[in-house]
Amino acid sequence: MKTKIALILLLIGAFILPGCVFSLYPLYTENDLVYDNNLEGVWGDTSKNTWKFENLMQHEMAPYKNKPEREKQEIIKGQLINKKTYLLTCTENGEARKMQAHLTQLDDNLFLDIFPDDLNLKNSFFETQFVPVHTYAKVKITGNRFELYFLNTDLMDKLLEQNTIRIKYEKLNNYKVITASTEELQKFIKKYANRRDLFNDAAFLTKKA
């Protein structure tokens, strides 16, 4: 299990901004999800790397133009896909990876939870060895400006080692993976959401399209 998780961490690390804390469980429940249409579109930084957000359900339904078939697929896919789920395509150095993203409101703060969608590896047996993990950031969306505040990994590591903060985790090579339940995660995040030093400085993205 530890080897599987370590592999997926290496993969995610290539496509998520540095300073992430990883978790086995999501930060959200379906009751906490919110949807902001302004997040849809292509966002980028000063480099050529981009984050493209789409509504996952709409993306999946796009190929079905025939009304009867579309209605049938809406019922089928509606059992598997939450209408508040985003499809996030991260493109870095010309390589794109797809993830699922969810916005969740916890008290007065908005968070983005990111989770790998499909690895699309050519070796299906090798792909079964991966266990995907969640990562999340406190976010602010204002017009064409998107701010992401990921947890401060170095400080989190230090506080966990010192038992200054208590939350279940496993240490895997150079990573710490939070193993607490969603309920425990939310309690932790709500408690420390306004502690500035626990979050990195903002990563800024601007809307490109």
N, C-alpha and C. Protein backbone atom coordinates (compact mmCIF):
# COMPACT_ATOMS: atom_id res chain seq x y z
N MET A 1 0.83 -1.20 0.00
CA MET A 1 0.00 0.00 0.00
C MET A 1 0.87 1.26 0.00
N LYS A 2 1.90 1.28 0.84
CA LYS A 2 2.74 2.46 0.92
C LYS A 2 3.44 2.75 -0.40
N THR A 3 3.87 1.66 -1.11
CA THR A 3 4.51 1.84 -2.40
C THR A 3 3.55 2.45 -3.40
N LYS A 4 2.30 1.96 -3.42
CA LYS A 4 1.29 2.47 -4.34
C LYS A 4 1.07 3.97 -4.11
N ILE A 5 0.92 4.35 -2.85
CA ILE A 5 0.64 5.75 -2.55
C ILE A 5 1.84 6.61 -2.92
N ALA A 6 3.05 6.13 -2.66
CA ALA A 6 4.24 6.89 -2.99
C ALA A 6 4.33 7.16 -4.49
N LEU A 7 3.92 6.19 -5.30
CA LEU A 7 3.95 6.36 -6.74
C LEU A 7 3.00 7.45 -7.20
N ILE A 8 1.81 7.45 -6.68
CA ILE A 8 0.84 8.46 -7.09
C ILE A 8 1.26 9.84 -6.58
N LEU A 9 1.91 9.91 -5.44
CA LEU A 9 2.39 11.19 -4.94
C LEU A 9 3.42 11.78 -5.89
N LEU A 10 4.30 10.95 -6.41
CA LEU A 10 5.31 11.42 -7.36
C LEU A 10 4.66 11.96 -8.61
N LEU A 11 3.61 11.29 -9.07
CA LEU A 11 2.91 11.73 -10.27
C LEU A 11 2.20 13.05 -10.04
N ILE A 12 1.47 13.16 -8.93
CA ILE A 12 0.74 14.39 -8.64
C ILE A 12 1.71 15.55 -8.43
N GLY A 13 2.83 15.25 -7.79
CA GLY A 13 3.79 16.31 -7.50
C GLY A 13 4.28 17.03 -8.74
N ALA A 14 4.21 16.37 -9.88
CA ALA A 14 4.67 16.98 -11.12
C ALA A 14 3.66 17.97 -11.67
N PHE A 15 2.42 17.89 -11.23
CA PHE A 15 1.37 18.70 -11.83
C PHE A 15 0.68 19.64 -10.85
N ILE A 16 0.95 19.53 -9.57
CA ILE A 16 0.34 20.41 -8.58
C ILE A 16 1.42 21.36 -8.07
N LEU A 17 1.02 22.57 -7.77
CA LEU A 17 1.99 23.54 -7.28
C LEU A 17 2.67 23.02 -6.02
N PRO A 18 3.95 23.38 -5.80
CA PRO A 18 4.69 22.86 -4.65
C PRO A 18 4.06 23.30 -3.34
N GLY A 19 4.31 22.51 -2.29
CA GLY A 19 3.82 22.85 -0.97
C GLY A 19 2.48 22.23 -0.67
N CYS A 20 2.23 21.04 -1.21
CA CYS A 20 0.94 20.39 -1.00
C CYS A 20 1.01 19.39 0.14
N VAL A 21 -0.11 19.25 0.84
CA VAL A 21 -0.28 18.19 1.83
C VAL A 21 -1.29 17.22 1.25
N PHE A 22 -1.00 15.93 1.31
CA PHE A 22 -1.83 14.93 0.66
C PHE A 22 -2.70 14.20 1.68
N SER A 23 -3.87 13.76 1.22
CA SER A 23 -4.83 13.11 2.10
C SER A 23 -5.49 11.94 1.38
N LEU A 24 -5.75 10.87 2.14
CA LEU A 24 -6.45 9.73 1.55
C LEU A 24 -7.93 10.03 1.34
N TYR A 25 -8.48 10.92 2.15
CA TYR A 25 -9.91 11.19 2.09
C TYR A 25 -10.17 12.63 1.65
N PRO A 26 -11.32 12.88 1.03
CA PRO A 26 -11.64 14.23 0.57
C PRO A 26 -11.93 15.18 1.71
N LEU A 27 -11.81 16.46 1.41
CA LEU A 27 -12.10 17.48 2.40
C LEU A 27 -13.59 17.80 2.44
N TYR A 28 -14.32 17.35 1.45
CA TYR A 28 -15.73 17.73 1.30
C TYR A 28 -16.68 16.56 1.49
N THR A 29 -17.91 16.90 1.78
CA THR A 29 -19.04 15.99 1.63
C THR A 29 -19.95 16.63 0.59
N GLU A 30 -20.91 15.88 0.07
CA GLU A 30 -21.79 16.44 -0.95
C GLU A 30 -22.57 17.63 -0.42
N ASN A 31 -22.84 17.66 0.87
CA ASN A 31 -23.59 18.77 1.46
C ASN A 31 -22.78 20.07 1.52
N ASP A 32 -21.45 19.96 1.43
CA ASP A 32 -20.60 21.14 1.54
C ASP A 32 -20.24 21.74 0.19
N LEU A 33 -20.54 21.04 -0.90
CA LEU A 33 -20.09 21.47 -2.21
C LEU A 33 -20.80 22.74 -2.67
N VAL A 34 -20.03 23.60 -3.30
CA VAL A 34 -20.58 24.79 -3.94
C VAL A 34 -20.04 24.82 -5.37
N TYR A 35 -20.72 25.58 -6.22
CA TYR A 35 -20.28 25.67 -7.61
C TYR A 35 -20.23 27.13 -8.02
N ASP A 36 -19.09 27.55 -8.56
CA ASP A 36 -18.91 28.92 -9.01
C ASP A 36 -18.65 28.89 -10.51
N ASN A 37 -19.59 29.39 -11.29
CA ASN A 37 -19.44 29.38 -12.75
C ASN A 37 -18.21 30.16 -13.20
N ASN A 38 -17.79 31.13 -12.40
CA ASN A 38 -16.64 31.95 -12.77
C ASN A 38 -15.35 31.15 -12.80
N LEU A 39 -15.33 30.01 -12.13
CA LEU A 39 -14.12 29.18 -12.13
C LEU A 39 -13.93 28.48 -13.48
N GLU A 40 -15.00 28.29 -14.22
CA GLU A 40 -14.89 27.63 -15.52
C GLU A 40 -14.04 28.48 -16.46
N GLY A 41 -13.18 27.81 -17.23
CA GLY A 41 -12.32 28.51 -18.16
C GLY A 41 -10.87 28.10 -17.97
N VAL A 42 -9.98 28.81 -18.65
CA VAL A 42 -8.55 28.51 -18.62
C VAL A 42 -7.83 29.56 -17.78
N TRP A 43 -7.07 29.09 -16.81
CA TRP A 43 -6.30 29.95 -15.93
C TRP A 43 -4.82 29.66 -16.09
N GLY A 44 -3.99 30.67 -15.93
CA GLY A 44 -2.56 30.44 -16.07
C GLY A 44 -1.75 31.39 -15.21
N ASP A 45 -0.46 31.04 -15.06
CA ASP A 45 0.46 31.90 -14.33
C ASP A 45 1.34 32.62 -15.35
N THR A 46 2.51 33.06 -14.93
CA THR A 46 3.40 33.79 -15.83
C THR A 46 4.10 32.87 -16.83
N SER A 47 4.05 31.57 -16.57
CA SER A 47 4.63 30.60 -17.51
C SER A 47 3.53 30.17 -18.49
N LYS A 48 3.78 29.13 -19.25
CA LYS A 48 2.79 28.62 -20.20
C LYS A 48 1.93 27.52 -19.59
N ASN A 49 2.12 27.24 -18.32
CA ASN A 49 1.32 26.22 -17.65
C ASN A 49 -0.10 26.73 -17.45
N THR A 50 -1.08 25.85 -17.60
CA THR A 50 -2.48 26.27 -17.48
C THR A 50 -3.29 25.27 -16.67
N TRP A 51 -4.36 25.78 -16.06
CA TRP A 51 -5.38 24.97 -15.40
C TRP A 51 -6.70 25.28 -16.09
N LYS A 52 -7.32 24.29 -16.67
CA LYS A 52 -8.60 24.47 -17.34
C LYS A 52 -9.70 23.79 -16.54
N PHE A 53 -10.70 24.56 -16.14
CA PHE A 53 -11.83 24.03 -15.38
C PHE A 53 -13.06 23.94 -16.28
N GLU A 54 -13.70 22.77 -16.26
CA GLU A 54 -14.96 22.56 -16.96
C GLU A 54 -15.92 21.86 -16.01
N ASN A 55 -17.21 21.95 -16.32
CA ASN A 55 -18.17 21.15 -15.57
C ASN A 55 -18.04 19.71 -16.06
N LEU A 56 -17.77 18.79 -15.15
CA LEU A 56 -17.52 17.41 -15.55
C LEU A 56 -18.73 16.78 -16.22
N MET A 57 -19.91 17.02 -15.68
CA MET A 57 -21.12 16.44 -16.25
C MET A 57 -21.36 16.94 -17.67
N GLN A 58 -21.21 18.24 -17.88
CA GLN A 58 -21.40 18.80 -19.21
C GLN A 58 -20.35 18.27 -20.19
N HIS A 59 -19.13 18.09 -19.70
CA HIS A 59 -18.07 17.54 -20.54
C HIS A 59 -18.40 16.12 -20.98
N GLU A 60 -18.91 15.32 -20.06
CA GLU A 60 -19.25 13.93 -20.37
C GLU A 60 -20.45 13.84 -21.31
N MET A 61 -21.35 14.81 -21.25
CA MET A 61 -22.56 14.78 -22.06
C MET A 61 -22.36 15.36 -23.45
N ALA A 62 -21.28 16.08 -23.66
CA ALA A 62 -21.05 16.78 -24.93
C ALA A 62 -21.13 15.89 -26.17
N PRO A 63 -20.65 14.64 -26.15
CA PRO A 63 -20.71 13.81 -27.36
C PRO A 63 -22.12 13.38 -27.76
N TYR A 64 -23.08 13.47 -26.85
CA TYR A 64 -24.43 12.95 -27.12
C TYR A 64 -25.34 14.07 -27.63
N LYS A 65 -25.53 14.09 -28.94
CA LYS A 65 -26.34 15.13 -29.57
C LYS A 65 -27.79 14.69 -29.75
N ASN A 66 -28.00 13.37 -29.88
CA ASN A 66 -29.34 12.83 -30.05
C ASN A 66 -30.11 12.93 -28.72
N LYS A 67 -31.28 13.56 -28.72
CA LYS A 67 -32.00 13.84 -27.49
C LYS A 67 -32.33 12.59 -26.67
N PRO A 68 -32.91 11.52 -27.28
CA PRO A 68 -33.21 10.31 -26.49
C PRO A 68 -31.95 9.70 -25.85
N GLU A 69 -30.87 9.63 -26.63
CA GLU A 69 -29.63 9.06 -26.11
C GLU A 69 -29.05 9.96 -25.02
N ARG A 70 -29.15 11.27 -25.20
CA ARG A 70 -28.64 12.21 -24.22
C ARG A 70 -29.39 12.07 -22.90
N GLU A 71 -30.72 11.95 -22.98
CA GLU A 71 -31.52 11.81 -21.77
C GLU A 71 -31.18 10.51 -21.05
N LYS A 72 -30.93 9.45 -21.82
CA LYS A 72 -30.56 8.16 -21.24
C LYS A 72 -29.22 8.26 -20.52
N GLN A 73 -28.25 8.89 -21.16
CA GLN A 73 -26.92 9.03 -20.59
C GLN A 73 -26.92 9.94 -19.36
N GLU A 74 -27.78 10.94 -19.37
CA GLU A 74 -27.88 11.83 -18.21
C GLU A 74 -28.31 11.06 -16.97
N ILE A 75 -29.20 10.11 -17.15
CA ILE A 75 -29.66 9.29 -16.02
C ILE A 75 -28.52 8.39 -15.53
N ILE A 76 -27.83 7.77 -16.49
CA ILE A 76 -26.74 6.85 -16.13
C ILE A 76 -25.59 7.60 -15.45
N LYS A 77 -25.14 8.66 -16.10
CA LYS A 77 -23.99 9.40 -15.58
C LYS A 77 -24.34 10.20 -14.33
N GLY A 78 -25.63 10.56 -14.23
CA GLY A 78 -26.07 11.31 -13.06
C GLY A 78 -25.95 10.52 -11.76
N GLN A 79 -25.90 9.19 -11.88
CA GLN A 79 -25.74 8.34 -10.70
C GLN A 79 -24.28 8.29 -10.24
N LEU A 80 -23.37 8.70 -11.13
CA LEU A 80 -21.94 8.59 -10.83
C LEU A 80 -21.25 9.94 -10.67
N ILE A 81 -21.82 10.98 -11.29
CA ILE A 81 -21.16 12.28 -11.32
C ILE A 81 -22.00 13.32 -10.61
N ASN A 82 -21.38 14.02 -9.69
CA ASN A 82 -22.05 15.13 -9.02
C ASN A 82 -22.03 16.35 -9.96
N LYS A 83 -23.14 17.03 -10.09
CA LYS A 83 -23.23 18.16 -11.01
C LYS A 83 -22.36 19.33 -10.57
N LYS A 84 -21.84 19.28 -9.35
CA LYS A 84 -20.95 20.34 -8.86
C LYS A 84 -19.47 19.96 -8.98
N THR A 85 -19.21 18.90 -9.72
CA THR A 85 -17.82 18.46 -9.91
C THR A 85 -17.22 19.14 -11.13
N TYR A 86 -15.99 19.63 -10.96
CA TYR A 86 -15.25 20.21 -12.08
C TYR A 86 -14.31 19.17 -12.67
N LEU A 87 -14.09 19.24 -13.97
CA LEU A 87 -12.99 18.53 -14.62
C LEU A 87 -11.86 19.53 -14.74
N LEU A 88 -10.74 19.22 -14.12
CA LEU A 88 -9.58 20.10 -14.14
C LEU A 88 -8.50 19.48 -15.01
N THR A 89 -8.10 20.18 -16.06
CA THR A 89 -7.01 19.72 -16.92
C THR A 89 -5.79 20.58 -16.64
N CYS A 90 -4.78 19.97 -16.03
CA CYS A 90 -3.53 20.68 -15.71
C CYS A 90 -2.53 20.41 -16.83
N THR A 91 -2.05 21.46 -17.45
CA THR A 91 -1.06 21.32 -18.51
C THR A 91 0.24 21.96 -18.06
N GLU A 92 1.29 21.16 -18.03
CA GLU A 92 2.60 21.64 -17.61
C GLU A 92 3.64 21.12 -18.58
N ASN A 93 4.44 22.03 -19.12
CA ASN A 93 5.48 21.67 -20.10
C ASN A 93 4.89 20.88 -21.26
N GLY A 94 3.68 21.25 -21.66
CA GLY A 94 3.05 20.63 -22.82
C GLY A 94 2.34 19.32 -22.54
N GLU A 95 2.42 18.82 -21.32
CA GLU A 95 1.77 17.56 -20.97
C GLU A 95 0.55 17.83 -20.11
N ALA A 96 -0.58 17.23 -20.48
CA ALA A 96 -1.84 17.48 -19.78
C ALA A 96 -2.25 16.27 -18.96
N ARG A 97 -2.79 16.53 -17.77
CA ARG A 97 -3.35 15.50 -16.91
C ARG A 97 -4.71 15.96 -16.42
N LYS A 98 -5.64 15.03 -16.33
CA LYS A 98 -7.00 15.36 -15.92
C LYS A 98 -7.22 14.99 -14.46
N MET A 99 -7.92 15.87 -13.76
CA MET A 99 -8.25 15.65 -12.36
C MET A 99 -9.69 16.08 -12.11
N GLN A 100 -10.23 15.63 -11.00
CA GLN A 100 -11.52 16.13 -10.55
C GLN A 100 -11.27 17.17 -9.48
N ALA A 101 -12.08 18.22 -9.49
CA ALA A 101 -11.92 19.28 -8.51
C ALA A 101 -13.28 19.63 -7.92
N HIS A 102 -13.27 19.96 -6.63
CA HIS A 102 -14.51 20.32 -5.93
C HIS A 102 -14.27 21.54 -5.06
N LEU A 103 -15.20 22.48 -5.11
CA LEU A 103 -15.18 23.62 -4.21
C LEU A 103 -16.05 23.29 -3.00
N THR A 104 -15.52 23.56 -1.83
CA THR A 104 -16.30 23.30 -0.62
C THR A 104 -16.21 24.50 0.32
N GLN A 105 -17.32 24.83 0.92
CA GLN A 105 -17.39 25.96 1.84
C GLN A 105 -17.33 25.45 3.27
N LEU A 106 -16.30 25.87 4.00
CA LEU A 106 -16.15 25.50 5.40
C LEU A 106 -16.13 26.78 6.22
N ASP A 107 -17.20 27.04 6.95
CA ASP A 107 -17.38 28.30 7.65
C ASP A 107 -17.29 29.45 6.64
N ASP A 108 -16.38 30.39 6.86
CA ASP A 108 -16.29 31.55 5.96
C ASP A 108 -15.24 31.37 4.86
N ASN A 109 -14.64 30.20 4.77
CA ASN A 109 -13.55 29.98 3.82
C ASN A 109 -13.94 28.99 2.73
N LEU A 110 -13.38 29.24 1.55
CA LEU A 110 -13.62 28.38 0.39
C LEU A 110 -12.36 27.57 0.12
N PHE A 111 -12.55 26.26 -0.11
CA PHE A 111 -11.41 25.37 -0.37
C PHE A 111 -11.62 24.61 -1.67
N LEU A 112 -10.50 24.31 -2.32
CA LEU A 112 -10.52 23.51 -3.54
C LEU A 112 -9.86 22.17 -3.23
N ASP A 113 -10.58 21.08 -3.48
CA ASP A 113 -10.08 19.72 -3.31
C ASP A 113 -9.80 19.15 -4.70
N ILE A 114 -8.59 18.62 -4.89
CA ILE A 114 -8.18 18.10 -6.19
C ILE A 114 -7.84 16.63 -6.07
N PHE A 115 -8.29 15.86 -7.07
CA PHE A 115 -8.17 14.39 -7.02
C PHE A 115 -7.93 13.88 -8.44
N PRO A 116 -6.96 12.98 -8.66
CA PRO A 116 -6.70 12.47 -10.01
C PRO A 116 -7.93 11.83 -10.63
N ASP A 117 -8.19 12.12 -11.89
CA ASP A 117 -9.35 11.57 -12.58
C ASP A 117 -9.02 10.22 -13.22
N ASP A 118 -8.08 10.21 -14.13
CA ASP A 118 -7.70 8.99 -14.84
C ASP A 118 -6.24 9.10 -15.22
N LEU A 119 -5.45 8.10 -14.84
CA LEU A 119 -4.02 8.17 -15.12
C LEU A 119 -3.71 7.96 -16.60
N ASN A 120 -4.57 7.21 -17.30
CA ASN A 120 -4.38 6.93 -18.73
C ASN A 120 -3.00 6.38 -19.05
N LEU A 121 -2.56 5.44 -18.23
CA LEU A 121 -1.28 4.79 -18.50
C LEU A 121 -1.47 3.66 -19.50
N LYS A 122 -0.46 3.42 -20.30
CA LYS A 122 -0.56 2.38 -21.32
C LYS A 122 -0.51 0.98 -20.71
N ASN A 123 0.11 0.85 -19.55
CA ASN A 123 0.22 -0.44 -18.87
C ASN A 123 -0.89 -0.50 -17.81
N SER A 124 -1.97 -1.22 -18.10
CA SER A 124 -3.12 -1.26 -17.20
C SER A 124 -2.78 -1.91 -15.87
N PHE A 125 -1.92 -2.94 -15.88
CA PHE A 125 -1.54 -3.58 -14.62
C PHE A 125 -0.76 -2.61 -13.74
N PHE A 126 0.13 -1.84 -14.37
CA PHE A 126 0.91 -0.86 -13.62
C PHE A 126 -0.01 0.21 -13.03
N GLU A 127 -1.05 0.58 -13.78
CA GLU A 127 -1.97 1.60 -13.31
C GLU A 127 -2.73 1.14 -12.06
N THR A 128 -2.98 -0.18 -11.96
CA THR A 128 -3.71 -0.69 -10.79
C THR A 128 -2.88 -0.58 -9.51
N GLN A 129 -1.59 -0.30 -9.64
CA GLN A 129 -0.73 -0.20 -8.46
C GLN A 129 -0.79 1.17 -7.81
N PHE A 130 -1.51 2.10 -8.43
CA PHE A 130 -1.60 3.45 -7.90
C PHE A 130 -2.82 3.63 -7.01
N VAL A 131 -2.63 4.32 -5.91
CA VAL A 131 -3.74 4.72 -5.05
C VAL A 131 -3.79 6.25 -5.07
N PRO A 132 -4.82 6.85 -5.67
CA PRO A 132 -4.88 8.31 -5.76
C PRO A 132 -5.12 8.96 -4.41
N VAL A 133 -4.66 10.19 -4.28
CA VAL A 133 -4.82 10.94 -3.04
C VAL A 133 -5.38 12.33 -3.34
N HIS A 134 -5.90 12.98 -2.31
CA HIS A 134 -6.46 14.32 -2.43
C HIS A 134 -5.43 15.35 -1.98
N THR A 135 -5.50 16.51 -2.58
CA THR A 135 -4.76 17.65 -2.07
C THR A 135 -5.71 18.85 -2.12
N TYR A 136 -5.48 19.85 -1.27
CA TYR A 136 -6.43 20.94 -1.21
C TYR A 136 -5.75 22.26 -0.84
N ALA A 137 -6.46 23.32 -1.19
CA ALA A 137 -5.95 24.66 -0.93
C ALA A 137 -7.11 25.58 -0.57
N LYS A 138 -6.83 26.56 0.27
CA LYS A 138 -7.80 27.63 0.51
C LYS A 138 -7.74 28.54 -0.71
N VAL A 139 -8.89 28.95 -1.21
CA VAL A 139 -8.90 29.72 -2.45
C VAL A 139 -9.77 30.96 -2.34
N LYS A 140 -9.46 31.92 -3.21
CA LYS A 140 -10.27 33.11 -3.39
C LYS A 140 -10.42 33.35 -4.89
N ILE A 141 -11.65 33.55 -5.34
CA ILE A 141 -11.93 33.79 -6.75
C ILE A 141 -12.56 35.16 -6.86
N THR A 142 -11.84 36.08 -7.49
CA THR A 142 -12.33 37.45 -7.63
C THR A 142 -12.16 37.88 -9.09
N GLY A 143 -13.26 37.90 -9.82
CA GLY A 143 -13.18 38.27 -11.22
C GLY A 143 -12.26 37.35 -11.99
N ASN A 144 -11.21 37.91 -12.59
CA ASN A 144 -10.25 37.12 -13.37
C ASN A 144 -9.01 36.75 -12.56
N ARG A 145 -9.13 36.80 -11.25
CA ARG A 145 -8.00 36.50 -10.36
C ARG A 145 -8.36 35.30 -9.48
N PHE A 146 -7.45 34.34 -9.45
CA PHE A 146 -7.65 33.11 -8.70
C PHE A 146 -6.46 32.92 -7.77
N GLU A 147 -6.71 32.91 -6.47
CA GLU A 147 -5.65 32.78 -5.49
C GLU A 147 -5.75 31.42 -4.79
N LEU A 148 -4.62 30.72 -4.70
CA LEU A 148 -4.59 29.42 -4.03
C LEU A 148 -3.57 29.46 -2.91
N TYR A 149 -4.01 29.07 -1.72
CA TYR A 149 -3.15 29.04 -0.55
C TYR A 149 -3.02 27.58 -0.09
N PHE A 150 -1.96 26.92 -0.53
CA PHE A 150 -1.74 25.53 -0.12
C PHE A 150 -1.15 25.49 1.29
N LEU A 151 -1.38 24.39 1.97
CA LEU A 151 -0.83 24.25 3.31
C LEU A 151 0.69 24.28 3.28
N ASN A 152 1.27 24.86 4.30
CA ASN A 152 2.72 24.97 4.43
C ASN A 152 3.28 23.60 4.84
N THR A 153 3.85 22.90 3.88
CA THR A 153 4.31 21.53 4.12
C THR A 153 5.37 21.46 5.21
N ASP A 154 6.35 22.36 5.15
CA ASP A 154 7.44 22.33 6.13
C ASP A 154 6.92 22.53 7.55
N LEU A 155 6.03 23.49 7.72
CA LEU A 155 5.48 23.75 9.05
C LEU A 155 4.58 22.60 9.49
N MET A 156 3.78 22.08 8.57
CA MET A 156 2.92 20.94 8.90
C MET A 156 3.77 19.75 9.37
N ASP A 157 4.84 19.47 8.65
CA ASP A 157 5.73 18.36 9.03
C ASP A 157 6.27 18.57 10.44
N LYS A 158 6.72 19.77 10.71
CA LYS A 158 7.29 20.09 12.01
C LYS A 158 6.26 19.94 13.12
N LEU A 159 5.07 20.48 12.90
CA LEU A 159 4.03 20.42 13.93
C LEU A 159 3.53 19.00 14.16
N LEU A 160 3.47 18.21 13.10
CA LEU A 160 3.07 16.80 13.24
C LEU A 160 4.11 16.01 14.02
N GLU A 161 5.37 16.24 13.69
CA GLU A 161 6.45 15.54 14.38
C GLU A 161 6.46 15.89 15.87
N GLN A 162 6.12 17.12 16.19
CA GLN A 162 6.15 17.59 17.58
C GLN A 162 4.84 17.30 18.31
N ASN A 163 3.87 16.76 17.58
CA ASN A 163 2.53 16.53 18.14
C ASN A 163 1.87 17.82 18.60
N THR A 164 2.28 18.94 18.01
CA THR A 164 1.67 20.22 18.33
C THR A 164 0.25 20.27 17.78
N ILE A 165 0.06 19.71 16.61
CA ILE A 165 -1.28 19.51 16.06
C ILE A 165 -1.49 18.00 15.93
N ARG A 166 -2.70 17.58 16.19
CA ARG A 166 -2.96 16.15 16.19
C ARG A 166 -3.99 15.79 15.13
N ILE A 167 -3.52 15.04 14.16
CA ILE A 167 -4.38 14.52 13.11
C ILE A 167 -3.70 13.26 12.59
N LYS A 168 -4.47 12.27 12.23
CA LYS A 168 -3.92 10.99 11.82
C LYS A 168 -3.15 11.12 10.50
N TYR A 169 -1.97 10.51 10.44
CA TYR A 169 -1.19 10.54 9.21
C TYR A 169 -0.23 9.36 9.17
N GLU A 170 0.31 9.08 7.99
CA GLU A 170 1.35 8.08 7.80
C GLU A 170 2.52 8.75 7.10
N LYS A 171 3.72 8.35 7.49
CA LYS A 171 4.92 8.90 6.87
C LYS A 171 5.40 7.93 5.80
N LEU A 172 5.48 8.42 4.56
CA LEU A 172 5.89 7.59 3.43
C LEU A 172 7.06 8.26 2.72
N ASN A 173 8.24 7.71 2.91
CA ASN A 173 9.45 8.29 2.33
C ASN A 173 9.55 9.76 2.75
N ASN A 174 9.51 10.68 1.79
CA ASN A 174 9.61 12.10 2.11
C ASN A 174 8.26 12.77 2.25
N TYR A 175 7.20 11.99 2.23
CA TYR A 175 5.86 12.55 2.29
C TYR A 175 5.15 12.17 3.60
N LYS A 176 4.23 13.03 4.00
CA LYS A 176 3.29 12.68 5.05
C LYS A 176 1.90 12.69 4.44
N VAL A 177 1.19 11.59 4.60
CA VAL A 177 -0.14 11.46 4.03
C VAL A 177 -1.15 11.46 5.16
N ILE A 178 -2.08 12.41 5.14
CA ILE A 178 -3.12 12.50 6.16
C ILE A 178 -4.10 11.34 5.95
N THR A 179 -4.36 10.59 7.01
CA THR A 179 -5.28 9.44 6.91
C THR A 179 -6.56 9.67 7.70
N ALA A 180 -6.74 10.86 8.23
CA ALA A 180 -7.95 11.17 8.99
C ALA A 180 -9.17 11.16 8.09
N SER A 181 -10.34 10.92 8.68
CA SER A 181 -11.59 10.90 7.93
C SER A 181 -11.96 12.31 7.47
N THR A 182 -12.92 12.40 6.57
CA THR A 182 -13.39 13.70 6.10
C THR A 182 -13.89 14.56 7.26
N GLU A 183 -14.63 13.95 8.18
CA GLU A 183 -15.14 14.69 9.34
C GLU A 183 -14.00 15.26 10.17
N GLU A 184 -12.96 14.45 10.40
CA GLU A 184 -11.81 14.91 11.18
C GLU A 184 -11.03 15.99 10.43
N LEU A 185 -10.92 15.82 9.12
CA LEU A 185 -10.23 16.81 8.29
C LEU A 185 -10.92 18.17 8.38
N GLN A 186 -12.23 18.15 8.27
CA GLN A 186 -12.97 19.39 8.31
C GLN A 186 -12.83 20.10 9.65
N LYS A 187 -12.85 19.35 10.73
CA LYS A 187 -12.66 19.94 12.06
C LYS A 187 -11.27 20.58 12.15
N PHE A 188 -10.27 19.89 11.63
CA PHE A 188 -8.91 20.39 11.65
C PHE A 188 -8.78 21.68 10.84
N ILE A 189 -9.31 21.66 9.61
CA ILE A 189 -9.19 22.81 8.72
C ILE A 189 -9.95 24.01 9.28
N LYS A 190 -11.15 23.77 9.80
CA LYS A 190 -11.92 24.87 10.38
C LYS A 190 -11.18 25.51 11.55
N LYS A 191 -10.52 24.69 12.33
CA LYS A 191 -9.80 25.19 13.51
C LYS A 191 -8.62 26.07 13.12
N TYR A 192 -7.92 25.68 12.04
CA TYR A 192 -6.69 26.37 11.68
C TYR A 192 -6.80 27.20 10.40
N ALA A 193 -7.99 27.34 9.84
CA ALA A 193 -8.16 28.01 8.54
C ALA A 193 -7.63 29.43 8.53
N ASN A 194 -7.68 30.11 9.66
CA ASN A 194 -7.25 31.51 9.70
C ASN A 194 -5.86 31.69 10.32
N ARG A 195 -5.15 30.59 10.48
CA ARG A 195 -3.77 30.69 10.96
C ARG A 195 -2.87 30.91 9.74
N ARG A 196 -2.38 32.10 9.60
CA ARG A 196 -1.69 32.50 8.36
C ARG A 196 -0.43 31.69 8.07
N ASP A 197 0.35 31.39 9.12
CA ASP A 197 1.61 30.70 8.88
C ASP A 197 1.43 29.25 8.47
N LEU A 198 0.22 28.72 8.63
CA LEU A 198 -0.03 27.32 8.26
C LEU A 198 -0.28 27.18 6.75
N PHE A 199 -0.39 28.31 6.07
CA PHE A 199 -0.60 28.29 4.63
C PHE A 199 0.53 29.03 3.93
N ASN A 200 0.88 28.55 2.74
CA ASN A 200 1.90 29.22 1.94
C ASN A 200 1.36 30.54 1.41
N ASP A 201 2.26 31.39 0.94
CA ASP A 201 1.83 32.59 0.24
C ASP A 201 1.00 32.18 -0.98
N ALA A 202 0.16 33.06 -1.42
CA ALA A 202 -0.76 32.75 -2.50
C ALA A 202 -0.05 32.45 -3.81
N ALA A 203 -0.57 31.44 -4.51
CA ALA A 203 -0.19 31.21 -5.90
C ALA A 203 -1.27 31.88 -6.74
N PHE A 204 -0.88 32.81 -7.62
CA PHE A 204 -1.86 33.59 -8.36
C PHE A 204 -2.00 33.06 -9.77
N LEU A 205 -3.26 32.86 -10.19
CA LEU A 205 -3.57 32.52 -11.56
C LEU A 205 -4.52 33.57 -12.10
N THR A 206 -4.38 33.87 -13.38
CA THR A 206 -5.29 34.82 -14.02
C THR A 206 -6.02 34.10 -15.16
N LYS A 207 -7.21 34.58 -15.45
CA LYS A 207 -8.05 33.92 -16.46
C LYS A 207 -7.55 34.28 -17.85
N LYS A 208 -7.33 33.24 -18.64
CA LYS A 208 -6.83 33.42 -20.01
C LYS A 208 -7.96 33.30 -21.03
N ALA A 209 -8.96 32.49 -20.72
CA ALA A 209 -10.07 32.31 -21.67
C ALA A 209 -11.29 31.79 -20.93
